[in-house]
Protein backbone atom coordinates (compact mmCIF):
# COMPACT_ATOMS: atom_id res chain seq x y z
CA UNK A 1 -35.87 -34.99 65.18
CA UNK A 2 -34.13 -37.28 62.72
CA UNK A 3 -34.54 -37.36 58.97
CA UNK A 4 -35.89 -40.48 57.30
CA UNK A 5 -33.52 -41.99 54.73
CA UNK A 6 -30.93 -39.26 55.08
CA UNK A 7 -28.93 -37.54 57.75
CA UNK A 8 -30.52 -34.15 57.39
CA UNK A 9 -29.13 -31.81 60.03
CA UNK A 10 -29.83 -28.15 60.68
CA UNK A 11 -27.22 -26.17 62.56
CA UNK A 12 -29.30 -23.47 64.19
CA UNK A 13 -29.52 -20.94 67.00
CA UNK A 14 -32.85 -20.44 68.73
CA UNK A 15 -33.02 -16.66 68.21
CA UNK A 16 -31.61 -16.59 64.68
CA UNK A 17 -34.28 -15.30 62.30
CA UNK A 18 -32.29 -16.74 59.39
CA UNK A 19 -32.48 -20.18 60.99
CA UNK A 20 -36.16 -19.65 61.69
CA UNK A 21 -36.88 -19.22 57.97
CA UNK A 22 -35.43 -22.64 57.30
CA UNK A 23 -37.23 -24.22 60.25
CA UNK A 24 -40.54 -22.95 58.86
CA UNK A 25 -39.74 -24.37 55.42
CA UNK A 26 -38.87 -27.77 56.88
CA UNK A 27 -42.11 -27.76 58.85
CA UNK A 28 -44.21 -26.77 55.84
CA UNK A 29 -42.67 -29.49 53.72
CA UNK A 30 -42.99 -32.06 56.48
CA UNK A 31 -39.28 -32.83 56.48
CA UNK A 32 -37.86 -34.34 59.65
CA UNK A 33 -34.39 -33.23 60.67
CA UNK A 34 -31.86 -33.26 63.46
CA UNK A 35 -31.52 -29.93 65.27
CA UNK A 36 -27.90 -29.09 66.10
CA UNK A 37 -27.67 -26.06 68.38
CA UNK A 38 -24.89 -23.52 67.84
CA UNK A 39 -24.73 -21.04 70.71
CA UNK A 40 -23.87 -17.72 69.08
CA UNK A 41 -23.79 -15.93 72.44
CA UNK A 42 -20.98 -18.25 73.55
CA UNK A 43 -19.08 -17.95 70.27
CA UNK A 44 -19.60 -21.54 69.15
CA UNK A 45 -19.93 -20.31 65.55
CA UNK A 46 -16.19 -19.57 65.65
CA UNK A 47 -15.19 -23.11 66.56
CA UNK A 48 -12.90 -24.71 63.99
CA UNK A 49 -15.30 -27.59 63.38
CA UNK A 50 -18.20 -25.26 62.61
CA UNK A 51 -16.05 -23.05 60.40
CA UNK A 52 -15.43 -26.10 58.22
CA UNK A 53 -19.16 -26.08 57.50
CA UNK A 54 -19.46 -22.32 57.01
CA UNK A 55 -16.23 -20.26 56.87
CA UNK A 56 -18.26 -17.11 57.63
CA UNK A 57 -19.31 -18.57 60.96
CA UNK A 58 -23.03 -17.92 60.47
CA UNK A 59 -26.08 -20.09 61.02
CA UNK A 60 -28.04 -21.73 59.55
CA UNK A 61 -26.17 -24.57 57.90
CA UNK A 62 -27.97 -27.54 56.39
CA UNK A 63 -26.16 -30.85 56.06
CA UNK A 64 -27.85 -33.38 53.78
CA UNK A 65 -25.55 -36.39 53.60
CA UNK A 66 -22.47 -35.16 51.74
CA UNK A 67 -24.11 -31.87 50.78
CA UNK A 68 -23.46 -28.82 52.98
CA UNK A 69 -25.43 -25.63 52.32
CA UNK A 70 -25.10 -22.40 54.28
CA UNK A 71 -27.08 -19.15 53.95
CA UNK A 72 -30.83 -19.34 54.50
CA UNK A 73 -31.75 -18.28 50.95
CA UNK A 74 -29.51 -20.95 49.42
CA UNK A 75 -30.88 -23.55 51.83
CA UNK A 76 -34.47 -22.66 50.97
CA UNK A 77 -33.79 -22.98 47.25
CA UNK A 78 -32.04 -26.30 47.82
CA UNK A 79 -35.02 -27.59 49.79
CA UNK A 80 -37.41 -26.33 47.13
CA UNK A 81 -35.51 -28.18 44.39
CA UNK A 82 -34.96 -31.44 46.28
CA UNK A 83 -38.27 -31.62 48.14
CA UNK A 84 -40.94 -30.27 45.75
CA UNK A 85 -43.82 -31.18 48.05
CA UNK A 86 -45.61 -28.11 49.41
CA UNK A 87 -43.94 -25.50 47.15
CA UNK A 88 -42.46 -22.42 48.79
CA UNK A 89 -42.91 -20.41 45.59
CA UNK A 90 -46.07 -19.77 43.55
CA UNK A 91 -46.25 -20.85 39.91
CA UNK A 92 -47.27 -17.36 38.77
CA UNK A 93 -44.09 -15.56 37.69
CA UNK A 94 -45.18 -12.10 38.85
CA UNK A 95 -46.14 -13.41 42.29
CA UNK A 96 -42.92 -15.43 42.42
CA UNK A 97 -40.91 -12.27 41.69
CA UNK A 98 -42.79 -10.49 44.47
CA UNK A 99 -41.78 -13.23 46.88
CA UNK A 100 -38.16 -12.80 45.86
CA UNK A 101 -38.41 -9.04 46.42
CA UNK A 102 -39.82 -9.44 49.91
CA UNK A 103 -37.21 -12.05 50.80
CA UNK A 104 -34.42 -9.79 49.58
CA UNK A 105 -35.66 -6.74 51.45
CA UNK A 106 -35.61 -8.70 54.69
CA UNK A 107 -32.38 -10.61 54.07
CA UNK A 108 -30.40 -7.71 52.57
CA UNK A 109 -31.86 -4.48 53.95
CA UNK A 110 -33.15 -5.38 57.42
CA UNK A 111 -31.71 -8.50 59.03
CA UNK A 112 -27.98 -7.83 58.45
CA UNK A 113 -28.20 -4.64 60.51
CA UNK A 114 -29.43 -6.59 63.55
CA UNK A 115 -26.90 -9.39 63.21
CA UNK A 116 -25.11 -10.04 66.49
CA UNK A 117 -21.67 -9.29 65.05
CA UNK A 118 -22.93 -5.95 63.69
CA UNK A 119 -24.61 -4.96 66.94
CA UNK A 120 -21.41 -5.67 68.81
CA UNK A 121 -19.44 -3.59 66.30
CA UNK A 122 -21.66 -0.49 66.63
CA UNK A 123 -21.87 -0.74 70.42
CA UNK A 124 -20.11 2.24 71.94
CA UNK A 125 -20.70 4.28 68.81
CA UNK A 126 -24.50 4.20 68.84
CA UNK A 127 -27.10 2.42 70.93
CA UNK A 128 -27.50 -1.00 69.23
CA UNK A 129 -31.26 -1.08 69.83
CA UNK A 130 -31.70 2.35 68.25
CA UNK A 131 -29.55 1.26 65.30
CA UNK A 132 -31.53 -1.93 64.79
CA UNK A 133 -34.94 -0.25 65.11
CA UNK A 134 -33.97 2.39 62.56
CA UNK A 135 -33.17 -0.19 59.92
CA UNK A 136 -36.10 -2.42 60.81
CA UNK A 137 -38.57 0.44 60.56
CA UNK A 138 -37.08 1.61 57.28
CA UNK A 139 -37.44 -1.87 55.82
CA UNK A 140 -40.92 -2.37 57.24
CA UNK A 141 -42.08 0.89 55.65
CA UNK A 142 -40.90 -0.45 52.30
CA UNK A 143 -42.65 -3.78 52.83
CA UNK A 144 -45.92 -2.05 53.72
CA UNK A 145 -45.83 -0.18 50.41
CA UNK A 146 -44.74 -3.19 48.39
CA UNK A 147 -47.40 -5.53 49.76
CA UNK A 148 -50.40 -3.21 50.11
CA UNK A 149 -51.91 -4.24 46.75
CA UNK A 150 -50.86 -7.90 46.92
CA UNK A 151 -51.36 -9.22 50.44
CA UNK A 152 -54.23 -11.53 51.22
CA UNK A 153 -54.45 -13.53 54.39
CA UNK A 154 -50.68 -13.79 54.09
CA UNK A 155 -47.94 -11.66 52.54
CA UNK A 156 -48.54 -12.38 48.84
CA UNK A 157 -52.00 -13.92 48.85
CA UNK A 158 -53.99 -16.54 50.72
CA UNK A 159 -51.24 -19.17 50.85
CA UNK A 160 -48.00 -19.17 52.80
CA UNK A 161 -45.05 -18.72 50.46
CA UNK A 162 -41.39 -17.76 50.71
CA UNK A 163 -42.16 -14.12 51.53
CA UNK A 164 -43.90 -15.25 54.71
CA UNK A 165 -40.88 -17.31 55.74
CA UNK A 166 -38.87 -14.08 55.83
CA UNK A 167 -41.55 -11.76 57.19
CA UNK A 168 -42.77 -13.97 60.07
CA UNK A 169 -39.49 -14.24 62.04
CA UNK A 170 -38.49 -10.67 61.21
CA UNK A 171 -41.69 -9.21 62.62
CA UNK A 172 -41.58 -11.54 65.63
CA UNK A 173 -38.03 -10.43 66.40
CA UNK A 174 -38.89 -6.77 65.87
CA UNK A 175 -41.61 -7.04 68.50
CA UNK A 176 -39.94 -9.28 71.05
CA UNK A 177 -36.29 -8.30 70.78
CA UNK A 178 -36.23 -4.73 69.47
CA UNK A 179 -39.55 -3.40 70.82
CA UNK A 180 -40.65 -1.90 67.52
CA UNK A 181 -44.00 -0.10 67.67
CA UNK A 182 -45.94 -2.14 65.11
CA UNK A 183 -48.93 0.20 65.05
CA UNK A 184 -46.90 2.04 62.39
CA UNK A 185 -47.18 -1.04 60.19
CA UNK A 186 -50.77 -2.30 60.25
CA UNK A 187 -50.37 -4.71 57.35
CA UNK A 188 -47.36 -6.43 58.88
CA UNK A 189 -49.09 -6.53 62.25
CA UNK A 190 -52.09 -8.22 60.65
CA UNK A 191 -49.79 -10.79 59.05
CA UNK A 192 -48.11 -11.39 62.40
CA UNK A 193 -51.52 -12.18 63.90
CA UNK A 194 -52.31 -14.57 61.04
CA UNK A 195 -49.00 -16.36 61.52
CA UNK A 196 -49.81 -16.91 65.19
CA UNK A 197 -52.53 -19.37 64.10
CA UNK A 198 -50.20 -21.58 62.03
CA UNK A 199 -48.44 -24.44 63.87
CA UNK A 200 -45.86 -24.77 61.08
CA UNK A 201 -44.72 -21.23 61.82
CA UNK A 202 -45.21 -21.17 65.58
CA UNK A 203 -43.28 -24.40 66.06
CA UNK A 204 -40.33 -22.74 64.30
CA UNK A 205 -40.35 -19.61 66.46
CA UNK A 206 -37.43 -18.97 68.85
CA UNK A 207 -39.14 -19.85 72.12
CA UNK A 208 -40.10 -23.30 70.77
CA UNK A 209 -36.52 -24.39 70.03
CA UNK A 210 -34.65 -26.92 72.17
CA UNK A 211 -31.81 -24.48 72.85
CA UNK A 212 -34.07 -21.61 73.90
CA UNK A 213 -33.40 -20.52 77.48
CA UNK A 214 -36.22 -20.93 79.97
CA UNK A 215 -36.53 -17.15 79.94
CA UNK A 216 -36.21 -15.83 76.39
CA UNK A 217 -34.11 -12.83 77.38
CA UNK A 218 -30.67 -14.12 76.34
């Protein structure tokens, strides 16, 4: 995919939930882009050329001409400001704040604990899967409580907003990668089923990416 009128590139890894958030946003907004695969399993994020884009060595990174933006939250806000079509945030301030809360719970209190570098660090001290499930389930319990009076068809109502961009890949990864029992979280499971009907979300999921292995076990 190549952007029209600009050289919009997304440095991504197929299984990265952070990258998936951005892929969903680009799909929702109808923005074409070039997918540049960075194989985290092979350590390509530590290559000197990639570290020039993001010194932390994390994906995703968005390159828009001379502009380089790393961190999924920063990328989403950049896209929201530059490409206002199909807003990722509601106009209502209270609902907008709710979207920020959901995004922050996922990006600060769940996803970092399942990051590849963290899982490698805890290996040998504790089972990485047990570690990841503990933090996922703790975060999911919080999301269930936070959203119970606000969710509609989707996380914060009947439209897909930023909260969904964070919830969709996190729940998908919890099920596929970490084998979380989602019967504990009926609201999130219902959202997961709703997301399965949306091409903009499904086309951004790990198994649909060009760098996904033929068997999604890597």
